[in-house]
């Protein structure tokens, strides 16, 4: 009697394994479709890439630092001129 039960459990386990494989395949396919749709949607807008954003951010930081240095020099020059006057 154990033989028919084992075969039934084996068939059930195989069915569950196959169902899990189908579910994983469906998930991969759905992820791919969603990613493609999102990329298509975002490409319609004029977004910048992360690399472009990081490059502009670095340029802005450098410009701010240079501006602060120039401001310090200007203040020092103005003080020098006031001291001479």
N, C-alpha and C. Protein backbone atom coordinates (compact mmCIF):
# COMPACT_ATOMS: atom_id res chain seq x y z
N UNK A 1 0.80 -1.20 0.00
CA UNK A 1 0.00 0.00 0.00
C UNK A 1 0.85 1.27 0.00
N UNK A 2 2.04 1.19 0.45
CA UNK A 2 2.86 2.39 0.50
C UNK A 2 3.30 2.80 -0.90
N UNK A 3 3.34 1.86 -1.82
CA UNK A 3 3.78 2.17 -3.18
C UNK A 3 2.89 3.19 -3.87
N UNK A 4 1.56 3.04 -3.89
CA UNK A 4 0.72 4.03 -4.56
C UNK A 4 0.82 5.41 -3.89
N UNK A 5 0.94 5.45 -2.58
CA UNK A 5 1.07 6.73 -1.88
C UNK A 5 2.37 7.42 -2.26
N UNK A 6 3.46 6.66 -2.32
CA UNK A 6 4.74 7.24 -2.69
C UNK A 6 4.69 7.80 -4.11
N UNK A 7 4.08 7.05 -5.00
CA UNK A 7 3.98 7.52 -6.37
C UNK A 7 3.13 8.79 -6.44
N UNK A 8 2.05 8.82 -5.67
CA UNK A 8 1.20 10.00 -5.64
C UNK A 8 1.97 11.21 -5.09
N UNK A 9 2.74 10.99 -4.02
CA UNK A 9 3.53 12.08 -3.45
C UNK A 9 4.62 12.53 -4.42
N UNK A 10 5.23 11.58 -5.11
CA UNK A 10 6.25 11.92 -6.10
C UNK A 10 5.65 12.77 -7.22
N UNK A 11 4.49 12.36 -7.70
CA UNK A 11 3.82 13.13 -8.76
C UNK A 11 3.44 14.52 -8.26
N UNK A 12 2.96 14.58 -7.03
CA UNK A 12 2.58 15.87 -6.46
C UNK A 12 3.81 16.77 -6.31
N UNK A 13 4.92 16.21 -5.83
CA UNK A 13 6.16 16.97 -5.67
C UNK A 13 6.65 17.47 -7.03
N UNK A 14 6.56 16.61 -8.04
CA UNK A 14 6.96 17.02 -9.40
C UNK A 14 6.07 18.15 -9.91
N UNK A 15 4.78 18.03 -9.65
CA UNK A 15 3.84 19.08 -10.06
C UNK A 15 4.17 20.40 -9.37
N UNK A 16 4.47 20.35 -8.09
CA UNK A 16 4.82 21.57 -7.34
C UNK A 16 6.14 22.16 -7.84
N UNK A 17 7.09 21.31 -8.14
CA UNK A 17 8.37 21.78 -8.68
C UNK A 17 8.16 22.46 -10.02
N UNK A 18 7.37 21.83 -10.87
CA UNK A 18 7.07 22.42 -12.18
C UNK A 18 6.34 23.74 -12.02
N UNK A 19 5.41 23.80 -11.07
CA UNK A 19 4.66 25.04 -10.84
C UNK A 19 5.60 26.14 -10.36
N UNK A 20 6.54 25.78 -9.48
CA UNK A 20 7.51 26.77 -8.99
C UNK A 20 8.38 27.27 -10.14
N UNK A 21 8.80 26.37 -11.01
CA UNK A 21 9.61 26.77 -12.17
C UNK A 21 8.83 27.71 -13.09
N UNK A 22 7.56 27.40 -13.30
CA UNK A 22 6.72 28.26 -14.14
C UNK A 22 6.57 29.63 -13.49
N UNK A 23 6.36 29.65 -12.17
CA UNK A 23 6.21 30.92 -11.46
C UNK A 23 7.49 31.74 -11.56
N UNK A 24 8.65 31.12 -11.41
CA UNK A 24 9.92 31.84 -11.53
C UNK A 24 10.11 32.37 -12.94
N UNK A 25 9.77 31.55 -13.93
CA UNK A 25 9.86 32.01 -15.32
C UNK A 25 8.94 33.18 -15.58
N UNK A 26 7.74 33.11 -15.05
CA UNK A 26 6.79 34.21 -15.20
C UNK A 26 7.32 35.47 -14.54
N UNK A 27 7.91 35.33 -13.35
CA UNK A 27 8.46 36.49 -12.64
C UNK A 27 9.58 37.13 -13.47
N UNK A 28 10.47 36.30 -13.99
CA UNK A 28 11.57 36.85 -14.82
C UNK A 28 11.01 37.58 -16.04
N UNK A 29 10.03 36.98 -16.67
CA UNK A 29 9.42 37.59 -17.86
C UNK A 29 8.72 38.90 -17.49
N UNK A 30 7.98 38.89 -16.39
CA UNK A 30 7.28 40.09 -15.95
C UNK A 30 8.28 41.19 -15.58
N UNK A 31 9.36 40.82 -14.90
CA UNK A 31 10.39 41.81 -14.57
C UNK A 31 10.98 42.43 -15.83
N UNK A 32 11.24 41.60 -16.82
CA UNK A 32 11.79 42.11 -18.08
C UNK A 32 10.84 43.05 -18.78
N UNK A 33 9.56 42.70 -18.80
CA UNK A 33 8.57 43.55 -19.45
C UNK A 33 8.44 44.89 -18.70
N UNK A 34 8.38 44.82 -17.38
CA UNK A 34 8.26 46.05 -16.59
C UNK A 34 9.48 46.92 -16.79
N UNK A 35 10.66 46.32 -16.78
CA UNK A 35 11.89 47.10 -16.97
C UNK A 35 11.90 47.76 -18.35
N UNK A 36 11.52 47.02 -19.38
CA UNK A 36 11.50 47.57 -20.74
C UNK A 36 10.49 48.71 -20.84
N UNK A 37 9.32 48.54 -20.25
CA UNK A 37 8.31 49.59 -20.28
C UNK A 37 8.79 50.83 -19.53
N UNK A 38 9.42 50.62 -18.38
CA UNK A 38 9.93 51.74 -17.59
C UNK A 38 11.03 52.48 -18.34
N UNK A 39 11.93 51.74 -18.96
CA UNK A 39 13.00 52.37 -19.74
C UNK A 39 12.42 53.17 -20.90
N UNK A 40 11.41 52.62 -21.56
CA UNK A 40 10.77 53.32 -22.67
C UNK A 40 10.08 54.59 -22.16
N UNK A 41 9.40 54.48 -21.04
CA UNK A 41 8.71 55.63 -20.45
C UNK A 41 9.71 56.72 -20.06
N UNK A 42 10.79 56.33 -19.40
CA UNK A 42 11.78 57.31 -18.96
C UNK A 42 12.55 57.91 -20.12
N UNK A 43 12.71 57.17 -21.20
CA UNK A 43 13.45 57.71 -22.35
C UNK A 43 12.67 58.83 -23.03
N UNK A 44 11.36 58.87 -22.81
CA UNK A 44 10.56 59.95 -23.38
C UNK A 44 10.83 61.28 -22.68
N UNK A 45 11.34 61.22 -21.47
CA UNK A 45 11.67 62.43 -20.73
C UNK A 45 13.14 62.75 -20.92
N UNK A 46 13.52 63.96 -20.57
CA UNK A 46 14.90 64.39 -20.76
C UNK A 46 15.66 64.28 -19.44
N UNK A 47 15.73 63.07 -18.90
CA UNK A 47 16.45 62.85 -17.65
C UNK A 47 17.94 62.70 -17.94
N UNK A 48 18.75 63.06 -16.96
CA UNK A 48 20.19 62.86 -17.09
C UNK A 48 20.56 61.54 -16.43
N UNK A 49 21.68 61.01 -16.86
CA UNK A 49 22.16 59.77 -16.24
C UNK A 49 22.82 60.11 -14.91
N UNK A 50 23.03 59.10 -14.10
CA UNK A 50 23.68 59.31 -12.79
C UNK A 50 25.09 59.85 -13.00
N UNK A 51 25.80 59.35 -14.01
CA UNK A 51 27.16 59.83 -14.28
C UNK A 51 27.15 61.31 -14.63
N UNK A 52 26.20 61.72 -15.47
CA UNK A 52 26.10 63.13 -15.84
C UNK A 52 25.78 63.99 -14.62
N UNK A 53 24.87 63.52 -13.79
CA UNK A 53 24.50 64.24 -12.58
C UNK A 53 25.70 64.40 -11.66
N UNK A 54 26.45 63.31 -11.45
CA UNK A 54 27.62 63.35 -10.58
C UNK A 54 28.68 64.30 -11.13
N UNK A 55 28.86 64.33 -12.45
CA UNK A 55 29.85 65.22 -13.05
C UNK A 55 29.46 66.69 -12.84
N UNK A 56 28.20 67.01 -13.05
CA UNK A 56 27.75 68.40 -12.85
C UNK A 56 27.81 68.78 -11.38
N UNK A 57 27.49 67.84 -10.51
CA UNK A 57 27.56 68.10 -9.06
C UNK A 57 29.01 68.42 -8.67
N UNK A 58 29.96 67.64 -9.18
CA UNK A 58 31.38 67.89 -8.87
C UNK A 58 31.81 69.25 -9.40
N UNK A 59 31.33 69.62 -10.59
CA UNK A 59 31.67 70.93 -11.14
C UNK A 59 31.10 72.05 -10.26
N UNK A 60 29.89 71.87 -9.76
CA UNK A 60 29.25 72.89 -8.91
C UNK A 60 30.01 73.04 -7.59
N UNK A 61 30.44 71.92 -7.02
CA UNK A 61 31.21 71.98 -5.77
C UNK A 61 32.53 72.71 -6.00
N UNK A 62 33.20 72.38 -7.10
CA UNK A 62 34.47 73.04 -7.41
C UNK A 62 34.26 74.53 -7.64
N UNK A 63 33.22 74.91 -8.35
CA UNK A 63 32.94 76.32 -8.61
C UNK A 63 32.65 77.06 -7.31
N UNK A 64 31.89 76.42 -6.41
CA UNK A 64 31.59 77.05 -5.12
C UNK A 64 32.86 77.28 -4.31
N UNK A 65 33.75 76.27 -4.30
CA UNK A 65 35.02 76.41 -3.57
C UNK A 65 35.87 77.53 -4.15
N UNK A 66 35.95 77.61 -5.49
CA UNK A 66 36.71 78.67 -6.13
C UNK A 66 36.09 80.03 -5.83
N UNK A 67 34.77 80.10 -5.82
CA UNK A 67 34.08 81.35 -5.51
C UNK A 67 34.40 81.81 -4.08
N UNK A 68 34.43 80.87 -3.14
CA UNK A 68 34.75 81.22 -1.75
C UNK A 68 36.18 81.72 -1.63
N UNK A 69 37.12 81.09 -2.36
CA UNK A 69 38.52 81.55 -2.33
C UNK A 69 38.63 82.96 -2.92
N UNK A 70 37.95 83.19 -4.04
CA UNK A 70 37.99 84.53 -4.65
C UNK A 70 37.38 85.57 -3.73
N UNK A 71 36.31 85.21 -3.03
CA UNK A 71 35.68 86.14 -2.11
C UNK A 71 36.65 86.49 -0.97
N UNK A 72 37.37 85.50 -0.47
CA UNK A 72 38.36 85.76 0.59
C UNK A 72 39.47 86.68 0.08
N UNK A 73 39.93 86.45 -1.15
CA UNK A 73 40.96 87.32 -1.73
C UNK A 73 40.45 88.74 -1.91
N UNK A 74 39.22 88.88 -2.36
CA UNK A 74 38.63 90.20 -2.55
C UNK A 74 38.53 90.95 -1.22
N UNK A 75 38.09 90.25 -0.19
CA UNK A 75 38.00 90.88 1.12
C UNK A 75 39.38 91.31 1.60
N UNK A 76 40.39 90.47 1.39
CA UNK A 76 41.76 90.82 1.78
C UNK A 76 42.27 92.02 1.00
N UNK A 77 41.98 92.07 -0.31
CA UNK A 77 42.42 93.21 -1.13
C UNK A 77 41.71 94.50 -0.70
N UNK A 78 40.42 94.41 -0.42
CA UNK A 78 39.67 95.59 0.02
C UNK A 78 40.22 96.09 1.36
N UNK A 79 40.58 95.18 2.24
CA UNK A 79 41.14 95.57 3.53
C UNK A 79 42.48 96.25 3.33
N UNK A 80 43.30 95.69 2.42
CA UNK A 80 44.59 96.28 2.13
C UNK A 80 44.41 97.70 1.59
N UNK A 81 43.45 97.90 0.70
CA UNK A 81 43.21 99.23 0.14
C UNK A 81 42.72 100.20 1.21
N UNK A 82 41.88 99.72 2.12
CA UNK A 82 41.37 100.58 3.19
C UNK A 82 42.50 100.97 4.14
N UNK A 83 43.42 100.03 4.42
CA UNK A 83 44.53 100.32 5.30
C UNK A 83 45.48 101.34 4.70
N UNK A 84 45.63 101.36 3.38
CA UNK A 84 46.52 102.30 2.71
C UNK A 84 45.89 103.68 2.61
N UNK A 85 44.56 103.75 2.67
CA UNK A 85 43.89 105.02 2.49
C UNK A 85 43.85 105.84 3.74
